[in-house]
Amino acid sequence: MTALEIIGYLLLGIVFCVYAVAVVVGMVAVFPWGILGLLAIAGIGALLIKVVGERLRNTEDNYYSKNVDK
């Protein structure tokens, strides 16, 4: 990984963190409806984490990606 890639990923991470904080602050600012939005975002995030976890634990997909000729 080159220095330029590291800087790029670092900048993307900073922008993501600022965006996530802005979303949470904005949704708390519109109190009753914003909390519902936060719950929806948290639910989608939990499902995304579940899908990624299942994909990482799936050995069948790993077998085909490593052993099938391209």
Protein backbone atom coordinates (compact mmCIF):
# COMPACT_ATOMS: atom_id res chain seq x y z
CA MET A 1 0.00 0.00 0.00
CA THR A 2 1.50 3.31 -1.05
CA ALA A 3 1.55 6.52 0.94
CA LEU A 4 -0.97 8.07 -1.44
CA GLU A 5 -3.44 5.24 -0.82
CA ILE A 6 -3.00 5.58 2.93
CA ILE A 7 -3.67 9.33 2.72
CA GLY A 8 -6.74 8.65 0.57
CA TYR A 9 -8.16 6.12 2.99
CA LEU A 10 -7.42 8.41 5.92
CA LEU A 11 -9.27 11.30 4.25
CA LEU A 12 -12.22 9.04 3.42
CA GLY A 13 -12.33 7.88 7.03
CA ILE A 14 -12.33 11.46 8.31
CA VAL A 15 -15.11 12.48 5.92
CA PHE A 16 -17.17 9.44 6.94
CA CYS A 17 -16.78 10.24 10.64
CA VAL A 18 -17.78 13.89 10.13
CA TYR A 19 -20.77 12.80 8.03
CA ALA A 20 -21.89 10.23 10.61
CA VAL A 21 -21.70 12.78 13.42
CA ALA A 22 -23.65 15.30 11.32
CA VAL A 23 -26.37 12.72 10.63
CA VAL A 24 -26.73 11.83 14.31
CA VAL A 25 -26.76 15.49 15.41
CA GLY A 26 -29.30 16.38 12.72
CA MET A 27 -31.61 13.54 13.62
CA VAL A 28 -31.48 14.34 17.31
CA ALA A 29 -32.26 17.99 16.45
CA VAL A 30 -35.62 16.96 14.92
CA PHE A 31 -36.32 14.96 18.05
CA PRO A 32 -39.37 12.74 17.73
CA TRP A 33 -38.97 11.86 14.05
CA GLY A 34 -35.19 11.88 14.07
CA ILE A 35 -35.04 9.07 16.62
CA LEU A 36 -37.09 6.90 14.26
CA GLY A 37 -34.58 7.65 11.51
CA LEU A 38 -31.70 6.73 13.80
CA LEU A 39 -33.37 3.43 14.62
CA ALA A 40 -33.82 2.72 10.90
CA ILE A 41 -30.16 3.50 10.16
CA ALA A 42 -29.04 1.34 13.10
CA GLY A 43 -31.20 -1.55 11.84
CA ILE A 44 -29.77 -1.34 8.34
CA GLY A 45 -26.25 -1.15 9.80
CA ALA A 46 -26.86 -4.24 11.92
CA LEU A 47 -28.12 -6.16 8.89
CA LEU A 48 -25.09 -5.05 6.86
CA ILE A 49 -22.74 -6.26 9.60
CA LYS A 50 -24.60 -9.60 9.67
CA VAL A 51 -24.30 -10.05 5.88
CA VAL A 52 -20.59 -9.20 5.83
CA GLY A 53 -19.97 -11.57 8.75
CA GLU A 54 -21.78 -14.41 7.01
CA ARG A 55 -19.83 -13.79 3.81
CA LEU A 56 -16.51 -13.89 5.65
CA ARG A 57 -17.43 -17.19 7.35
CA ASN A 58 -18.70 -18.86 4.14
CA THR A 59 -16.05 -21.40 3.10
CA GLU A 60 -17.83 -22.43 -0.12
CA ASP A 61 -17.42 -18.98 -1.68
CA ASN A 62 -13.79 -18.95 -0.60
CA TYR A 63 -13.21 -22.33 -2.24
CA TYR A 64 -14.47 -21.18 -5.62
CA SER A 65 -12.65 -17.85 -5.55
CA LYS A 66 -9.34 -19.60 -4.77
CA ASN A 67 -9.58 -22.82 -6.82
CA VAL A 68 -11.50 -22.04 -10.01
CA ASP A 69 -9.33 -21.12 -13.00
CA LYS A 70 -9.85 -17.65 -14.39
